[in-house]
Amino acid sequence: CVDVEYAEKISREKHPGKVVEYVKEKIEELDKEARKLKTETLDGGFLGILMKSYKSVVQVDEISPNSSVIHLSVEYEPISQQVVAHATPALHDSLSLGFTNLQSYLVAHPELYSD
């Protein structure tokens, strides 16, 4: 169970004024063996602001028992040509913030994943 209040608190503390309030996603593919997740954003996030649609793919490759590499790709359709220059940096900032907050949450809650 993800503690949404904790994630929002960390996000607001580290990046005031840049919080995405919510994102509603549909899981298109979940391959546990390959550690791959494909999603489509249905509501929230940058929909209607910078993008008409966007989908993401997250792939986790284990390097060792204590180390992994996360590959992330995002495919999006900008809401207009005027926002194209803003869309990629906004996604980059948002995703970086999301992963930073996830890391902070996991460090603060090792009981969620430790043996």
C-alpha atoms as a PDB file:
ATOM      1  CA  CYS A   1       0.000   0.000   0.000  1.00  0.00           C
ATOM      2  CA  VAL A   2       1.476   3.363  -1.025  1.00  0.00           C
ATOM      3  CA  ASP A   3       1.265   6.178   1.504  1.00  0.00           C
ATOM      4  CA  VAL A   4      -0.022   8.989  -0.729  1.00  0.00           C
ATOM      5  CA  GLU A   5       0.106  11.626   2.007  1.00  0.00           C
ATOM      6  CA  TYR A   6       3.794  10.852   2.622  1.00  0.00           C
ATOM      7  CA  ALA A   7       4.591  11.066  -1.093  1.00  0.00           C
ATOM      8  CA  GLU A   8       2.764  14.408  -1.427  1.00  0.00           C
ATOM      9  CA  LYS A   9       4.517  15.772   1.677  1.00  0.00           C
ATOM     10  CA  ILE A  10       7.968  14.876   0.346  1.00  0.00           C
ATOM     11  CA  SER A  11       7.087  16.263  -3.090  1.00  0.00           C
ATOM     12  CA  ARG A  12       5.855  19.575  -1.671  1.00  0.00           C
ATOM     13  CA  GLU A  13       8.930  19.930   0.561  1.00  0.00           C
ATOM     14  CA  LYS A  14      11.445  19.262  -2.208  1.00  0.00           C
ATOM     15  CA  HIS A  15       9.663  20.975  -5.112  1.00  0.00           C
ATOM     16  CA  PRO A  16       7.099  23.538  -3.937  1.00  0.00           C
ATOM     17  CA  GLY A  17       4.586  24.513  -6.612  1.00  0.00           C
ATOM     18  CA  LYS A  18       5.445  21.581  -8.900  1.00  0.00           C
ATOM     19  CA  VAL A  19       3.248  18.833  -7.512  1.00  0.00           C
ATOM     20  CA  VAL A  20       1.166  16.729  -9.873  1.00  0.00           C
ATOM     21  CA  GLU A  21      -1.882  16.141  -7.697  1.00  0.00           C
ATOM     22  CA  TYR A  22      -2.849  12.800  -9.190  1.00  0.00           C
ATOM     23  CA  VAL A  23      -2.439  10.520 -12.176  1.00  0.00           C
ATOM     24  CA  LYS A  24      -4.934   7.836 -13.100  1.00  0.00           C
ATOM     25  CA  GLU A  25      -3.321   5.128 -15.220  1.00  0.00           C
ATOM     26  CA  LYS A  26      -4.443   1.956 -16.940  1.00  0.00           C
ATOM     27  CA  ILE A  27      -2.070  -0.986 -16.892  1.00  0.00           C
ATOM     28  CA  GLU A  28      -1.779  -2.229 -20.447  1.00  0.00           C
ATOM     29  CA  GLU A  29       0.801  -4.916 -19.760  1.00  0.00           C
ATOM     30  CA  LEU A  30       2.398  -6.349 -16.637  1.00  0.00           C
ATOM     31  CA  ASP A  31       5.074  -8.959 -17.192  1.00  0.00           C
ATOM     32  CA  LYS A  32       6.389  -9.995 -13.776  1.00  0.00           C
ATOM     33  CA  GLU A  33       8.969 -12.379 -15.206  1.00  0.00           C
ATOM     34  CA  ALA A  34      10.457  -9.700 -17.480  1.00  0.00           C
ATOM     35  CA  ARG A  35       9.857  -6.993 -14.835  1.00  0.00           C
ATOM     36  CA  LYS A  36       8.107  -4.822 -17.385  1.00  0.00           C
ATOM     37  CA  LEU A  37       5.132  -2.499 -16.935  1.00  0.00           C
ATOM     38  CA  LYS A  38       3.278  -0.589 -19.668  1.00  0.00           C
ATOM     39  CA  THR A  39       0.729   2.046 -18.684  1.00  0.00           C
ATOM     40  CA  GLU A  40      -1.494   4.630 -20.323  1.00  0.00           C
ATOM     41  CA  THR A  41      -2.404   7.822 -18.484  1.00  0.00           C
ATOM     42  CA  LEU A  42      -6.184   8.229 -18.427  1.00  0.00           C
ATOM     43  CA  ASP A  43      -6.602  11.328 -16.256  1.00  0.00           C
ATOM     44  CA  GLY A  44      -4.554  13.865 -14.333  1.00  0.00           C
ATOM     45  CA  GLY A  45      -0.881  14.522 -14.709  1.00  0.00           C
ATOM     46  CA  PHE A  46      -0.187  16.579 -17.832  1.00  0.00           C
ATOM     47  CA  LEU A  47      -3.303  15.496 -19.762  1.00  0.00           C
ATOM     48  CA  GLY A  48      -5.126  18.507 -21.122  1.00  0.00           C
ATOM     49  CA  ILE A  49      -2.256  20.782 -20.031  1.00  0.00           C
ATOM     50  CA  LEU A  50       0.694  19.724 -22.182  1.00  0.00           C
ATOM     51  CA  MET A  51      -0.430  16.445 -23.713  1.00  0.00           C
ATOM     52  CA  LYS A  52      -3.386  14.829 -25.427  1.00  0.00           C
ATOM     53  CA  SER A  53      -2.147  11.385 -24.407  1.00  0.00           C
ATOM     54  CA  TYR A  54       0.845   9.605 -22.986  1.00  0.00           C
ATOM     55  CA  LYS A  55       1.994   6.072 -22.312  1.00  0.00           C
ATOM     56  CA  SER A  56       4.996   4.780 -20.430  1.00  0.00           C
ATOM     57  CA  VAL A  57       7.063   1.618 -20.242  1.00  0.00           C
ATOM     58  CA  VAL A  58       9.150   0.736 -17.181  1.00  0.00           C
ATOM     59  CA  GLN A  59      11.656  -2.113 -17.429  1.00  0.00           C
ATOM     60  CA  VAL A  60      13.748  -3.206 -14.425  1.00  0.00           C
ATOM     61  CA  ASP A  61      16.955  -5.101 -15.156  1.00  0.00           C
ATOM     62  CA  GLU A  62      18.651  -6.729 -12.177  1.00  0.00           C
ATOM     63  CA  ILE A  63      22.404  -6.191 -12.174  1.00  0.00           C
ATOM     64  CA  SER A  64      23.033  -8.017  -8.893  1.00  0.00           C
ATOM     65  CA  PRO A  65      20.904  -9.030  -5.895  1.00  0.00           C
ATOM     66  CA  ASN A  66      21.322  -5.494  -4.505  1.00  0.00           C
ATOM     67  CA  SER A  67      21.370  -3.440  -7.696  1.00  0.00           C
ATOM     68  CA  SER A  68      19.047  -2.787 -10.627  1.00  0.00           C
ATOM     69  CA  VAL A  69      18.830  -0.509 -13.632  1.00  0.00           C
ATOM     70  CA  ILE A  70      15.473   1.046 -14.444  1.00  0.00           C
ATOM     71  CA  HIS A  71      14.694   1.877 -18.074  1.00  0.00           C
ATOM     72  CA  LEU A  72      11.811   4.253 -18.689  1.00  0.00           C
ATOM     73  CA  SER A  73      10.342   5.420 -21.956  1.00  0.00           C
ATOM     74  CA  VAL A  74       7.414   7.741 -22.525  1.00  0.00           C
ATOM     75  CA  GLU A  75       5.453   8.173 -25.729  1.00  0.00           C
ATOM     76  CA  TYR A  76       3.240  11.252 -25.871  1.00  0.00           C
ATOM     77  CA  GLU A  77       1.154  13.416 -28.169  1.00  0.00           C
ATOM     78  CA  PRO A  78       1.463  17.131 -27.357  1.00  0.00           C
ATOM     79  CA  ILE A  79      -1.716  19.137 -26.987  1.00  0.00           C
ATOM     80  CA  SER A  80      -0.334  21.637 -29.524  1.00  0.00           C
ATOM     81  CA  GLN A  81       2.906  22.425 -31.341  1.00  0.00           C
ATOM     82  CA  GLN A  82       3.386  25.467 -29.079  1.00  0.00           C
ATOM     83  CA  VAL A  83       3.911  23.243 -26.003  1.00  0.00           C
ATOM     84  CA  VAL A  84       6.327  20.741 -27.580  1.00  0.00           C
ATOM     85  CA  ALA A  85       9.343  22.602 -26.179  1.00  0.00           C
ATOM     86  CA  HIS A  86       7.831  22.389 -22.666  1.00  0.00           C
ATOM     87  CA  ALA A  87       6.545  18.815 -22.748  1.00  0.00           C
ATOM     88  CA  THR A  88       9.839  16.909 -22.615  1.00  0.00           C
ATOM     89  CA  PRO A  89      11.385  18.980 -19.791  1.00  0.00           C
ATOM     90  CA  ALA A  90       8.109  18.786 -17.831  1.00  0.00           C
ATOM     91  CA  LEU A  91       8.051  14.994 -18.175  1.00  0.00           C
ATOM     92  CA  HIS A  92      11.721  14.746 -17.234  1.00  0.00           C
ATOM     93  CA  ASP A  93      11.230  16.894 -14.119  1.00  0.00           C
ATOM     94  CA  SER A  94       8.067  15.063 -13.116  1.00  0.00           C
ATOM     95  CA  LEU A  95       9.564  11.601 -13.581  1.00  0.00           C
ATOM     96  CA  SER A  96      12.785  12.555 -11.790  1.00  0.00           C
ATOM     97  CA  LEU A  97      10.731  13.901  -8.904  1.00  0.00           C
ATOM     98  CA  GLY A  98       8.562  10.778  -8.866  1.00  0.00           C
ATOM     99  CA  PHE A  99      11.549   8.444  -8.707  1.00  0.00           C
ATOM    100  CA  THR A 100      13.234  10.612  -6.052  1.00  0.00           C
ATOM    101  CA  ASN A 101      10.065  10.517  -3.961  1.00  0.00           C
ATOM    102  CA  LEU A 102       9.718   6.773  -4.462  1.00  0.00           C
ATOM    103  CA  GLN A 103      13.299   6.298  -3.324  1.00  0.00           C
ATOM    104  CA  SER A 104      12.675   8.467  -0.238  1.00  0.00           C
ATOM    105  CA  TYR A 105       9.552   6.473   0.562  1.00  0.00           C
ATOM    106  CA  LEU A 106      11.289   3.116   0.185  1.00  0.00           C
ATOM    107  CA  VAL A 107      14.258   4.220   2.303  1.00  0.00           C
ATOM    108  CA  ALA A 108      11.834   5.376   5.007  1.00  0.00           C
ATOM    109  CA  HIS A 109       9.823   2.127   4.825  1.00  0.00           C
ATOM    110  CA  PRO A 110      12.238  -0.820   4.366  1.00  0.00           C
ATOM    111  CA  GLU A 111       9.694  -3.179   5.900  1.00  0.00           C
ATOM    112  CA  LEU A 112       7.800  -3.052   2.601  1.00  0.00           C
ATOM    113  CA  TYR A 113      10.488  -4.876   0.655  1.00  0.00           C
ATOM    114  CA  SER A 114      13.054  -6.363   3.011  1.00  0.00           C
ATOM    115  CA  ASP A 115      13.163 -10.065   3.838  1.00  0.00           C
END
